[in-house]
C-alpha atoms as a PDB file:
ATOM      1  CA  UNK A   1      -3.701 -11.108  -8.201  1.00  0.00           C
ATOM      2  CA  UNK A   2      -2.806 -11.211  -4.579  1.00  0.00           C
ATOM      3  CA  UNK A   3      -3.401  -8.582  -2.073  1.00  0.00           C
ATOM      4  CA  UNK A   4       0.211  -7.399  -2.086  1.00  0.00           C
ATOM      5  CA  UNK A   5       0.320  -6.951  -5.745  1.00  0.00           C
ATOM      6  CA  UNK A   6      -2.991  -5.041  -5.812  1.00  0.00           C
ATOM      7  CA  UNK A   7      -1.694  -2.649  -2.994  1.00  0.00           C
ATOM      8  CA  UNK A   8       1.626  -2.060  -4.733  1.00  0.00           C
ATOM      9  CA  UNK A   9      -0.006  -1.439  -8.214  1.00  0.00           C
ATOM     10  CA  UNK A  10      -2.352   1.091  -6.597  1.00  0.00           C
ATOM     11  CA  UNK A  11       0.456   2.995  -4.962  1.00  0.00           C
ATOM     12  CA  UNK A  12       2.368   2.991  -8.307  1.00  0.00           C
ATOM     13  CA  UNK A  13      -0.573   4.286 -10.222  1.00  0.00           C
ATOM     14  CA  UNK A  14      -1.404   7.005  -7.831  1.00  0.00           C
ATOM     15  CA  UNK A  15       2.142   8.333  -7.701  1.00  0.00           C
ATOM     16  CA  UNK A  16       1.805  10.063  -4.331  1.00  0.00           C
ATOM     17  CA  UNK A  17       1.828   8.947  -0.692  1.00  0.00           C
ATOM     18  CA  UNK A  18      -1.402   7.319   0.471  1.00  0.00           C
ATOM     19  CA  UNK A  19      -2.781   6.020   3.782  1.00  0.00           C
ATOM     20  CA  UNK A  20      -4.162   2.549   4.210  1.00  0.00           C
ATOM     21  CA  UNK A  21      -7.599   3.691   4.240  1.00  0.00           C
ATOM     22  CA  UNK A  22      -7.099   5.466   0.789  1.00  0.00           C
ATOM     23  CA  UNK A  23      -5.612   2.196  -0.539  1.00  0.00           C
ATOM     24  CA  UNK A  24      -8.415   0.137   0.644  1.00  0.00           C
ATOM     25  CA  UNK A  25     -10.950   2.593  -0.922  1.00  0.00           C
ATOM     26  CA  UNK A  26      -9.019   2.811  -4.344  1.00  0.00           C
ATOM     27  CA  UNK A  27      -8.447  -1.098  -4.537  1.00  0.00           C
ATOM     28  CA  UNK A  28     -11.834  -2.274  -3.346  1.00  0.00           C
ATOM     29  CA  UNK A  29      -9.923  -4.571  -0.802  1.00  0.00           C
ATOM     30  CA  UNK A  30     -11.013  -4.862   2.827  1.00  0.00           C
ATOM     31  CA  UNK A  31      -8.894  -2.616   5.165  1.00  0.00           C
ATOM     32  CA  UNK A  32      -7.729  -5.733   7.184  1.00  0.00           C
ATOM     33  CA  UNK A  33      -6.408  -7.329   3.942  1.00  0.00           C
ATOM     34  CA  UNK A  34      -4.657  -3.947   3.047  1.00  0.00           C
ATOM     35  CA  UNK A  35      -3.001  -3.782   6.409  1.00  0.00           C
ATOM     36  CA  UNK A  36      -1.780  -7.344   6.104  1.00  0.00           C
ATOM     37  CA  UNK A  37      -0.468  -6.843   2.706  1.00  0.00           C
ATOM     38  CA  UNK A  38       1.326  -3.564   3.774  1.00  0.00           C
ATOM     39  CA  UNK A  39       2.926  -5.331   6.647  1.00  0.00           C
ATOM     40  CA  UNK A  40       4.332  -7.966   4.294  1.00  0.00           C
ATOM     41  CA  UNK A  41       5.553  -4.988   1.738  1.00  0.00           C
ATOM     42  CA  UNK A  42       7.100  -3.230   4.669  1.00  0.00           C
ATOM     43  CA  UNK A  43       9.092  -6.443   5.719  1.00  0.00           C
ATOM     44  CA  UNK A  44      10.112  -6.946   2.038  1.00  0.00           C
ATOM     45  CA  UNK A  45      11.187  -3.286   1.943  1.00  0.00           C
ATOM     46  CA  UNK A  46       8.991  -2.601  -1.132  1.00  0.00           C
ATOM     47  CA  UNK A  47       7.281   0.418   0.450  1.00  0.00           C
ATOM     48  CA  UNK A  48       8.510   3.193   2.500  1.00  0.00           C
ATOM     49  CA  UNK A  49       6.849   5.928   4.687  1.00  0.00           C
ATOM     50  CA  UNK A  50       7.815   9.488   3.595  1.00  0.00           C
ATOM     51  CA  UNK A  51       5.426  10.899   6.394  1.00  0.00           C
ATOM     52  CA  UNK A  52       3.654   9.350   9.140  1.00  0.00           C
ATOM     53  CA  UNK A  53       0.865   6.837   8.127  1.00  0.00           C
ATOM     54  CA  UNK A  54       1.458   7.500   4.390  1.00  0.00           C
ATOM     55  CA  UNK A  55       3.055   4.967   2.104  1.00  0.00           C
ATOM     56  CA  UNK A  56       4.826   5.067  -1.375  1.00  0.00           C
ATOM     57  CA  UNK A  57       6.609   2.444  -3.338  1.00  0.00           C
ATOM     58  CA  UNK A  58      10.257   2.322  -2.742  1.00  0.00           C
ATOM     59  CA  UNK A  59      12.141   4.286  -5.573  1.00  0.00           C
END
């Protein structure tokens, strides 16, 4: 699985908005990998930010 899929899976599994640091901790990925994956997911509009610096999958 690539980093984008892992990040999206962690967000869906937790069911609440998470920061990049929390996602990195839960997924076991490096923070830089998480940031890169999140930037790609944002560009693809697969994740949204309900509050500053926290992300959740797009409903």
